[in-house]
Protein backbone atom coordinates (compact mmCIF):
# COMPACT_ATOMS: atom_id res chain seq x y z
CA UNK A 1 0.00 0.00 0.00
CA UNK A 2 1.29 3.44 -0.89
CA UNK A 3 0.48 6.13 1.66
CA UNK A 4 -1.28 9.28 0.47
CA UNK A 5 1.14 12.20 0.75
CA UNK A 6 0.69 15.87 1.54
CA UNK A 7 3.68 17.63 -0.02
CA UNK A 8 4.58 20.89 1.65
CA UNK A 9 4.94 23.95 -0.55
CA UNK A 10 8.74 23.83 -0.42
CA UNK A 11 8.85 20.50 -2.28
CA UNK A 12 10.17 21.30 -5.79
CA UNK A 13 7.69 21.04 -8.68
CA UNK A 14 9.84 18.49 -10.58
CA UNK A 15 9.70 16.22 -7.52
CA UNK A 16 5.92 16.60 -7.35
CA UNK A 17 5.64 15.67 -11.03
CA UNK A 18 7.83 12.58 -10.61
CA UNK A 19 5.93 11.36 -7.55
CA UNK A 20 2.64 11.76 -9.42
CA UNK A 21 4.03 10.06 -12.53
CA UNK A 22 5.01 7.11 -10.34
CA UNK A 23 1.36 6.73 -9.36
CA UNK A 24 1.48 8.01 -5.79
CA UNK A 25 -1.57 9.83 -4.47
CA UNK A 26 -0.44 13.31 -3.50
CA UNK A 27 -1.95 16.60 -2.47
CA UNK A 28 0.25 19.67 -2.65
CA UNK A 29 -0.02 22.55 -0.19
CA UNK A 30 1.08 25.04 -2.87
CA UNK A 31 -1.89 24.05 -5.06
CA UNK A 32 -4.57 24.48 -2.42
CA UNK A 33 -3.72 26.46 0.65
CA UNK A 34 -0.42 28.08 -0.25
CA UNK A 35 1.27 29.91 2.62
CA UNK A 36 -0.62 27.82 5.17
CA UNK A 37 0.99 27.89 8.60
CA UNK A 38 2.67 24.69 9.76
CA UNK A 39 -0.05 23.87 12.33
CA UNK A 40 -2.63 24.11 9.52
CA UNK A 41 -0.59 21.80 7.30
CA UNK A 42 -0.30 19.22 10.10
CA UNK A 43 -4.02 19.52 10.86
CA UNK A 44 -4.83 18.96 7.18
CA UNK A 45 -2.56 15.92 7.06
CA UNK A 46 -4.35 14.43 10.07
CA UNK A 47 -7.83 15.29 8.73
CA UNK A 48 -7.09 13.75 5.32
CA UNK A 49 -5.04 10.83 6.73
CA UNK A 50 -2.06 11.94 4.64
CA UNK A 51 1.66 11.75 5.41
CA UNK A 52 3.24 15.22 5.16
CA UNK A 53 6.57 15.45 3.34
CA UNK A 54 8.58 18.44 4.56
CA UNK A 55 12.05 19.96 4.31
CA UNK A 56 12.08 21.84 7.61
CA UNK A 57 12.37 20.44 11.11
CA UNK A 58 10.12 22.87 12.96
CA UNK A 59 7.15 20.52 12.61
CA UNK A 60 8.82 18.32 15.23
CA UNK A 61 8.73 21.27 17.61
CA UNK A 62 5.02 21.66 16.93
CA UNK A 63 4.39 18.03 17.72
CA UNK A 64 6.48 17.78 20.88
CA UNK A 65 6.51 21.25 22.46
CA UNK A 66 2.93 22.17 21.63
CA UNK A 67 1.64 18.61 22.12
CA UNK A 68 -0.11 18.45 18.75
CA UNK A 69 -1.15 14.99 17.60
CA UNK A 70 1.61 13.74 15.32
CA UNK A 71 0.91 12.48 11.82
CA UNK A 72 3.51 10.30 10.15
CA UNK A 73 6.09 12.68 8.70
CA UNK A 74 8.71 12.24 6.02
CA UNK A 75 11.52 14.73 6.66
CA UNK A 76 13.62 15.31 3.54
CA UNK A 77 17.22 16.41 4.00
CA UNK A 78 19.53 17.73 1.32
CA UNK A 79 23.23 17.02 1.97
CA UNK A 80 25.32 20.17 2.20
PDB file of N, CA and C in Angstrom:
ATOM      1  N   UNK A   1       0.835  -1.187   0.000  1.00  0.00           N
ATOM      2  CA  UNK A   1       0.000   0.000   0.000  1.00  0.00           C
ATOM      3  C   UNK A   1       0.879   1.250   0.000  1.00  0.00           C
ATOM      4  N   UNK A   2       0.562   2.172  -0.845  1.00  0.00           N
ATOM      5  CA  UNK A   2       1.292   3.441  -0.894  1.00  0.00           C
ATOM      6  C   UNK A   2       0.526   4.480  -0.081  1.00  0.00           C
ATOM      7  N   UNK A   3       1.192   5.133   0.853  1.00  0.00           N
ATOM      8  CA  UNK A   3       0.482   6.133   1.660  1.00  0.00           C
ATOM      9  C   UNK A   3       0.148   7.367   0.833  1.00  0.00           C
ATOM     10  N   UNK A   4      -0.964   8.019   1.140  1.00  0.00           N
ATOM     11  CA  UNK A   4      -1.278   9.279   0.467  1.00  0.00           C
ATOM     12  C   UNK A   4      -0.435  10.393   1.095  1.00  0.00           C
ATOM     13  N   UNK A   5       0.214  11.164   0.281  1.00  0.00           N
ATOM     14  CA  UNK A   5       1.138  12.199   0.754  1.00  0.00           C
ATOM     15  C   UNK A   5       0.500  13.575   0.709  1.00  0.00           C
ATOM     16  N   UNK A   6       0.964  14.443   1.595  1.00  0.00           N
ATOM     17  CA  UNK A   6       0.689  15.875   1.539  1.00  0.00           C
ATOM     18  C   UNK A   6       2.051  16.537   1.418  1.00  0.00           C
ATOM     19  N   UNK A   7       2.365  17.030   0.231  1.00  0.00           N
ATOM     20  CA  UNK A   7       3.679  17.626  -0.021  1.00  0.00           C
ATOM     21  C   UNK A   7       3.640  19.102   0.334  1.00  0.00           C
ATOM     22  N   UNK A   8       4.527  19.499   1.233  1.00  0.00           N
ATOM     23  CA  UNK A   8       4.580  20.893   1.654  1.00  0.00           C
ATOM     24  C   UNK A   8       4.986  21.772   0.478  1.00  0.00           C
ATOM     25  N   UNK A   9       4.718  23.064   0.598  1.00  0.00           N
ATOM     26  CA  UNK A   9       4.940  23.954  -0.546  1.00  0.00           C
ATOM     27  C   UNK A   9       6.399  24.139  -0.913  1.00  0.00           C
ATOM     28  N   UNK A  10       7.328  23.696  -0.064  1.00  0.00           N
ATOM     29  CA  UNK A  10       8.742  23.829  -0.417  1.00  0.00           C
ATOM     30  C   UNK A  10       9.289  22.605  -1.154  1.00  0.00           C
ATOM     31  N   UNK A  11       8.433  21.644  -1.460  1.00  0.00           N
ATOM     32  CA  UNK A  11       8.846  20.497  -2.277  1.00  0.00           C
ATOM     33  C   UNK A  11       8.897  20.967  -3.732  1.00  0.00           C
ATOM     34  N   UNK A  12      10.035  20.790  -4.413  1.00  0.00           N
ATOM     35  CA  UNK A  12      10.172  21.295  -5.793  1.00  0.00           C
ATOM     36  C   UNK A  12       9.156  20.675  -6.753  1.00  0.00           C
ATOM     37  N   UNK A  13       8.675  21.490  -7.691  1.00  0.00           N
ATOM     38  CA  UNK A  13       7.687  21.038  -8.677  1.00  0.00           C
ATOM     39  C   UNK A  13       8.144  19.797  -9.447  1.00  0.00           C
ATOM     40  N   UNK A  14       9.436  19.715  -9.875  1.00  0.00           N
ATOM     41  CA  UNK A  14       9.845  18.488 -10.576  1.00  0.00           C
ATOM     42  C   UNK A  14       9.671  17.234  -9.712  1.00  0.00           C
ATOM     43  N   UNK A  15       9.888  17.361  -8.417  1.00  0.00           N
ATOM     44  CA  UNK A  15       9.702  16.217  -7.519  1.00  0.00           C
ATOM     45  C   UNK A  15       8.223  15.847  -7.441  1.00  0.00           C
ATOM     46  N   UNK A  16       7.358  16.849  -7.379  1.00  0.00           N
ATOM     47  CA  UNK A  16       5.915  16.603  -7.351  1.00  0.00           C
ATOM     48  C   UNK A  16       5.499  15.850  -8.619  1.00  0.00           C
ATOM     49  N   UNK A  17       5.985  16.312  -9.748  1.00  0.00           N
ATOM     50  CA  UNK A  17       5.644  15.668 -11.026  1.00  0.00           C
ATOM     51  C   UNK A  17       6.105  14.223 -11.074  1.00  0.00           C
ATOM     52  N   UNK A  18       7.306  13.954 -10.578  1.00  0.00           N
ATOM     53  CA  UNK A  18       7.831  12.581 -10.608  1.00  0.00           C
ATOM     54  C   UNK A  18       7.058  11.665  -9.676  1.00  0.00           C
ATOM     55  N   UNK A  19       6.692  12.174  -8.505  1.00  0.00           N
ATOM     56  CA  UNK A  19       5.925  11.363  -7.552  1.00  0.00           C
ATOM     57  C   UNK A  19       4.558  11.020  -8.156  1.00  0.00           C
ATOM     58  N   UNK A  20       3.941  12.006  -8.770  1.00  0.00           N
ATOM     59  CA  UNK A  20       2.638  11.756  -9.417  1.00  0.00           C
ATOM     60  C   UNK A  20       2.776  10.785 -10.580  1.00  0.00           C
ATOM     61  N   UNK A  21       3.816  10.943 -11.387  1.00  0.00           N
ATOM     62  CA  UNK A  21       4.026  10.060 -12.533  1.00  0.00           C
ATOM     63  C   UNK A  21       4.248   8.615 -12.089  1.00  0.00           C
ATOM     64  N   UNK A  22       4.780   8.445 -10.879  1.00  0.00           N
ATOM     65  CA  UNK A  22       5.010   7.108 -10.345  1.00  0.00           C
ATOM     66  C   UNK A  22       3.726   6.489  -9.780  1.00  0.00           C
ATOM     67  N   UNK A  23       2.643   7.265  -9.792  1.00  0.00           N
ATOM     68  CA  UNK A  23       1.363   6.726  -9.363  1.00  0.00           C
ATOM     69  C   UNK A  23       1.010   6.928  -7.903  1.00  0.00           C
ATOM     70  N   UNK A  24       1.770   7.749  -7.201  1.00  0.00           N
ATOM     71  CA  UNK A  24       1.479   8.012  -5.790  1.00  0.00           C
ATOM     72  C   UNK A  24       0.369   9.046  -5.685  1.00  0.00           C
ATOM     73  N   UNK A  25      -0.517   8.859  -4.716  1.00  0.00           N
ATOM     74  CA  UNK A  25      -1.573   9.830  -4.470  1.00  0.00           C
ATOM     75  C   UNK A  25      -1.040  10.980  -3.644  1.00  0.00           C
ATOM     76  N   UNK A  26      -0.989  12.163  -4.223  1.00  0.00           N
ATOM     77  CA  UNK A  26      -0.440  13.309  -3.502  1.00  0.00           C
ATOM     78  C   UNK A  26      -1.382  14.506  -3.564  1.00  0.00           C
ATOM     79  N   UNK A  27      -1.357  15.267  -2.504  1.00  0.00           N
ATOM     80  CA  UNK A  27      -1.949  16.595  -2.472  1.00  0.00           C
ATOM     81  C   UNK A  27      -0.779  17.539  -2.210  1.00  0.00           C
ATOM     82  N   UNK A  28      -0.857  18.729  -2.757  1.00  0.00           N
ATOM     83  CA  UNK A  28       0.251  19.672  -2.654  1.00  0.00           C
ATOM     84  C   UNK A  28      -0.248  20.958  -2.010  1.00  0.00           C
ATOM     85  N   UNK A  29       0.394  21.350  -0.923  1.00  0.00           N
ATOM     86  CA  UNK A  29      -0.016  22.546  -0.193  1.00  0.00           C
ATOM     87  C   UNK A  29      -0.014  23.766  -1.109  1.00  0.00           C
ATOM     88  N   UNK A  30       0.975  23.873  -1.992  1.00  0.00           N
ATOM     89  CA  UNK A  30       1.081  25.037  -2.871  1.00  0.00           C
ATOM     90  C   UNK A  30      -0.088  25.141  -3.851  1.00  0.00           C
ATOM     91  N   UNK A  31      -0.774  24.042  -4.120  1.00  0.00           N
ATOM     92  CA  UNK A  31      -1.886  24.054  -5.063  1.00  0.00           C
ATOM     93  C   UNK A  31      -3.220  24.400  -4.405  1.00  0.00           C
ATOM     94  N   UNK A  32      -3.320  24.170  -3.124  1.00  0.00           N
ATOM     95  CA  UNK A  32      -4.568  24.477  -2.423  1.00  0.00           C
ATOM     96  C   UNK A  32      -4.241  24.800  -0.973  1.00  0.00           C
ATOM     97  N   UNK A  33      -4.050  26.057  -0.710  1.00  0.00           N
ATOM     98  CA  UNK A  33      -3.725  26.459   0.649  1.00  0.00           C
ATOM     99  C   UNK A  33      -2.306  26.965   0.781  1.00  0.00           C
ATOM    100  N   UNK A  34      -1.776  27.549  -0.301  1.00  0.00           N
ATOM    101  CA  UNK A  34      -0.415  28.078  -0.250  1.00  0.00           C
ATOM    102  C   UNK A  34      -0.264  29.047   0.910  1.00  0.00           C
ATOM    103  N   UNK A  35       0.921  29.060   1.473  1.00  0.00           N
ATOM    104  CA  UNK A  35       1.266  29.908   2.618  1.00  0.00           C
ATOM    105  C   UNK A  35       0.520  29.526   3.885  1.00  0.00           C
ATOM    106  N   UNK A  36       0.031  28.293   3.946  1.00  0.00           N
ATOM    107  CA  UNK A  36      -0.619  27.815   5.165  1.00  0.00           C
ATOM    108  C   UNK A  36       0.435  27.678   6.257  1.00  0.00           C
ATOM    109  N   UNK A  37       0.080  28.026   7.459  1.00  0.00           N
ATOM    110  CA  UNK A  37       0.985  27.890   8.596  1.00  0.00           C
ATOM    111  C   UNK A  37       1.201  26.411   8.897  1.00  0.00           C
ATOM    112  N   UNK A  38       2.343  26.089   9.482  1.00  0.00           N
ATOM    113  CA  UNK A  38       2.669  24.695   9.765  1.00  0.00           C
ATOM    114  C   UNK A  38       1.590  23.968  10.575  1.00  0.00           C
ATOM    115  N   UNK A  39       1.009  24.587  11.613  1.00  0.00           N
ATOM    116  CA  UNK A  39      -0.054  23.868  12.328  1.00  0.00           C
ATOM    117  C   UNK A  39      -1.241  23.522  11.426  1.00  0.00           C
ATOM    118  N   UNK A  40      -1.536  24.390  10.453  1.00  0.00           N
ATOM    119  CA  UNK A  40      -2.627  24.108   9.516  1.00  0.00           C
ATOM    120  C   UNK A  40      -2.280  22.941   8.595  1.00  0.00           C
ATOM    121  N   UNK A  41      -1.029  22.892   8.168  1.00  0.00           N
ATOM    122  CA  UNK A  41      -0.587  21.798   7.299  1.00  0.00           C
ATOM    123  C   UNK A  41      -0.681  20.468   8.051  1.00  0.00           C
ATOM    124  N   UNK A  42      -0.219  20.445   9.302  1.00  0.00           N
ATOM    125  CA  UNK A  42      -0.299  19.215  10.095  1.00  0.00           C
ATOM    126  C   UNK A  42      -1.750  18.823  10.360  1.00  0.00           C
ATOM    127  N   UNK A  43      -2.601  19.808  10.621  1.00  0.00           N
ATOM    128  CA  UNK A  43      -4.017  19.518  10.858  1.00  0.00           C
ATOM    129  C   UNK A  43      -4.656  18.935   9.594  1.00  0.00           C
ATOM    130  N   UNK A  44      -4.298  19.491   8.445  1.00  0.00           N
ATOM    131  CA  UNK A  44      -4.835  18.961   7.179  1.00  0.00           C
ATOM    132  C   UNK A  44      -4.367  17.530   6.957  1.00  0.00           C
ATOM    133  N   UNK A  45      -3.092  17.272   7.232  1.00  0.00           N
ATOM    134  CA  UNK A  45      -2.565  15.918   7.064  1.00  0.00           C
ATOM    135  C   UNK A  45      -3.332  14.927   7.939  1.00  0.00           C
ATOM    136  N   UNK A  46      -3.582  15.309   9.177  1.00  0.00           N
ATOM    137  CA  UNK A  46      -4.348  14.426  10.068  1.00  0.00           C
ATOM    138  C   UNK A  46      -5.779  14.246   9.566  1.00  0.00           C
ATOM    139  N   UNK A  47      -6.422  15.338   9.174  1.00  0.00           N
ATOM    140  CA  UNK A  47      -7.827  15.285   8.734  1.00  0.00           C
ATOM    141  C   UNK A  47      -7.995  14.436   7.473  1.00  0.00           C
ATOM    142  N   UNK A  48      -7.008  14.490   6.577  1.00  0.00           N
ATOM    143  CA  UNK A  48      -7.086  13.746   5.318  1.00  0.00           C
ATOM    144  C   UNK A  48      -6.344  12.407   5.372  1.00  0.00           C
ATOM    145  N   UNK A  49      -5.820  12.063   6.562  1.00  0.00           N
ATOM    146  CA  UNK A  49      -5.037  10.829   6.733  1.00  0.00           C
ATOM    147  C   UNK A  49      -3.894  10.754   5.725  1.00  0.00           C
ATOM    148  N   UNK A  50      -3.193  11.872   5.558  1.00  0.00           N
ATOM    149  CA  UNK A  50      -2.055  11.943   4.641  1.00  0.00           C
ATOM    150  C   UNK A  50      -0.751  12.030   5.436  1.00  0.00           C
ATOM    151  N   UNK A  51       0.333  11.634   4.821  1.00  0.00           N
ATOM    152  CA  UNK A  51       1.659  11.753   5.412  1.00  0.00           C
ATOM    153  C   UNK A  51       2.295  13.014   4.851  1.00  0.00           C
ATOM    154  N   UNK A  52       2.599  14.011   5.677  1.00  0.00           N
ATOM    155  CA  UNK A  52       3.244  15.219   5.157  1.00  0.00           C
ATOM    156  C   UNK A  52       4.720  14.967   4.844  1.00  0.00           C
ATOM    157  N   UNK A  53       5.156  15.469   3.710  1.00  0.00           N
ATOM    158  CA  UNK A  53       6.571  15.447   3.339  1.00  0.00           C
ATOM    159  C   UNK A  53       7.063  16.884   3.442  1.00  0.00           C
ATOM    160  N   UNK A  54       8.113  17.087   4.238  1.00  0.00           N
ATOM    161  CA  UNK A  54       8.582  18.435   4.559  1.00  0.00           C
ATOM    162  C   UNK A  54      10.097  18.514   4.423  1.00  0.00           C
ATOM    163  N   UNK A  55      10.606  19.733   4.315  1.00  0.00           N
ATOM    164  CA  UNK A  55      12.050  19.963   4.313  1.00  0.00           C
ATOM    165  C   UNK A  55      12.532  20.589   5.615  1.00  0.00           C
ATOM    166  N   UNK A  56      11.647  21.171   6.387  1.00  0.00           N
ATOM    167  CA  UNK A  56      12.076  21.842   7.608  1.00  0.00           C
ATOM    168  C   UNK A  56      11.777  20.994   8.831  1.00  0.00           C
ATOM    169  N   UNK A  57      12.511  21.256   9.918  1.00  0.00           N
ATOM    170  CA  UNK A  57      12.368  20.441  11.114  1.00  0.00           C
ATOM    171  C   UNK A  57      11.476  21.071  12.172  1.00  0.00           C
ATOM    172  N   UNK A  58      10.918  22.224  11.923  1.00  0.00           N
ATOM    173  CA  UNK A  58      10.117  22.873  12.961  1.00  0.00           C
ATOM    174  C   UNK A  58       8.795  22.173  13.222  1.00  0.00           C
ATOM    175  N   UNK A  59       8.369  21.278  12.342  1.00  0.00           N
ATOM    176  CA  UNK A  59       7.151  20.520  12.609  1.00  0.00           C
ATOM    177  C   UNK A  59       7.336  19.605  13.813  1.00  0.00           C
ATOM    178  N   UNK A  60       8.545  19.120  14.032  1.00  0.00           N
ATOM    179  CA  UNK A  60       8.819  18.322  15.226  1.00  0.00           C
ATOM    180  C   UNK A  60       8.594  19.126  16.488  1.00  0.00           C
ATOM    181  N   UNK A  61       8.978  20.386  16.454  1.00  0.00           N
ATOM    182  CA  UNK A  61       8.733  21.266  17.605  1.00  0.00           C
ATOM    183  C   UNK A  61       7.235  21.409  17.848  1.00  0.00           C
ATOM    184  N   UNK A  62       6.474  21.535  16.775  1.00  0.00           N
ATOM    185  CA  UNK A  62       5.023  21.661  16.926  1.00  0.00           C
ATOM    186  C   UNK A  62       4.425  20.417  17.577  1.00  0.00           C
ATOM    187  N   UNK A  63       4.930  19.277  17.187  1.00  0.00           N
ATOM    188  CA  UNK A  63       4.388  18.033  17.716  1.00  0.00           C
ATOM    189  C   UNK A  63       4.761  17.853  19.185  1.00  0.00           C
ATOM    190  N   UNK A  64       6.025  18.089  19.530  1.00  0.00           N
ATOM    191  CA  UNK A  64       6.477  17.778  20.880  1.00  0.00           C
ATOM    192  C   UNK A  64       6.294  18.924  21.870  1.00  0.00           C
ATOM    193  N   UNK A  65       6.626  20.132  21.504  1.00  0.00           N
ATOM    194  CA  UNK A  65       6.506  21.248  22.458  1.00  0.00           C
ATOM    195  C   UNK A  65       5.081  21.740  22.617  1.00  0.00           C
ATOM    196  N   UNK A  66       4.314  21.687  21.556  1.00  0.00           N
ATOM    197  CA  UNK A  66       2.930  22.168  21.631  1.00  0.00           C
ATOM    198  C   UNK A  66       1.933  21.025  21.814  1.00  0.00           C
ATOM    199  N   UNK A  67       2.449  19.805  21.871  1.00  0.00           N
ATOM    200  CA  UNK A  67       1.641  18.613  22.119  1.00  0.00           C
ATOM    201  C   UNK A  67       0.534  18.416  21.080  1.00  0.00           C
ATOM    202  N   UNK A  68       0.843  18.717  19.822  1.00  0.00           N
ATOM    203  CA  UNK A  68      -0.110  18.446  18.754  1.00  0.00           C
ATOM    204  C   UNK A  68      -0.037  16.963  18.396  1.00  0.00           C
ATOM    205  N   UNK A  69      -1.140  16.399  17.994  1.00  0.00           N
ATOM    206  CA  UNK A  69      -1.153  14.987  17.604  1.00  0.00           C
ATOM    207  C   UNK A  69      -0.277  14.802  16.373  1.00  0.00           C
ATOM    208  N   UNK A  70       0.677  13.894  16.444  1.00  0.00           N
ATOM    209  CA  UNK A  70       1.608  13.738  15.321  1.00  0.00           C
ATOM    210  C   UNK A  70       1.062  12.877  14.194  1.00  0.00           C
ATOM    211  N   UNK A  71       1.132  13.374  12.955  1.00  0.00           N
ATOM    212  CA  UNK A  71       0.913  12.480  11.816  1.00  0.00           C
ATOM    213  C   UNK A  71       2.238  11.799  11.514  1.00  0.00           C
ATOM    214  N   UNK A  72       2.232  10.834  10.624  1.00  0.00           N
ATOM    215  CA  UNK A  72       3.511  10.299  10.152  1.00  0.00           C
ATOM    216  C   UNK A  72       4.126  11.386   9.291  1.00  0.00           C
ATOM    217  N   UNK A  73       5.426  11.612   9.438  1.00  0.00           N
ATOM    218  CA  UNK A  73       6.089  12.685   8.701  1.00  0.00           C
ATOM    219  C   UNK A  73       7.309  12.124   7.988  1.00  0.00           C
ATOM    220  N   UNK A  74       7.492  12.533   6.748  1.00  0.00           N
ATOM    221  CA  UNK A  74       8.712  12.244   6.015  1.00  0.00           C
ATOM    222  C   UNK A  74       9.507  13.537   5.970  1.00  0.00           C
ATOM    223  N   UNK A  75      10.655  13.557   6.644  1.00  0.00           N
ATOM    224  CA  UNK A  75      11.524  14.731   6.657  1.00  0.00           C
ATOM    225  C   UNK A  75      12.605  14.518   5.600  1.00  0.00           C
ATOM    226  N   UNK A  76      12.640  15.384   4.615  1.00  0.00           N
ATOM    227  CA  UNK A  76      13.619  15.308   3.544  1.00  0.00           C
ATOM    228  C   UNK A  76      14.810  16.180   3.869  1.00  0.00           C
ATOM    229  N   UNK A  77      16.007  15.657   3.734  1.00  0.00           N
ATOM    230  CA  UNK A  77      17.225  16.410   4.003  1.00  0.00           C
ATOM    231  C   UNK A  77      18.069  16.452   2.742  1.00  0.00           C
ATOM    232  N   UNK A  78      18.634  17.586   2.461  1.00  0.00           N
ATOM    233  CA  UNK A  78      19.528  17.727   1.324  1.00  0.00           C
ATOM    234  C   UNK A  78      20.950  17.828   1.862  1.00  0.00           C
ATOM    235  N   UNK A  79      21.858  16.939   1.455  1.00  0.00           N
ATOM    236  CA  UNK A  79      23.232  17.017   1.971  1.00  0.00           C
ATOM    237  C   UNK A  79      23.876  18.337   1.584  1.00  0.00           C
ATOM    238  N   UNK A  80      24.654  18.880   2.508  1.00  0.00           N
ATOM    239  CA  UNK A  80      25.321  20.165   2.200  1.00  0.00           C
ATOM    240  C   UNK A  80      26.713  19.961   1.700  1.00  0.00           C
TER     241      UNK A  80
END
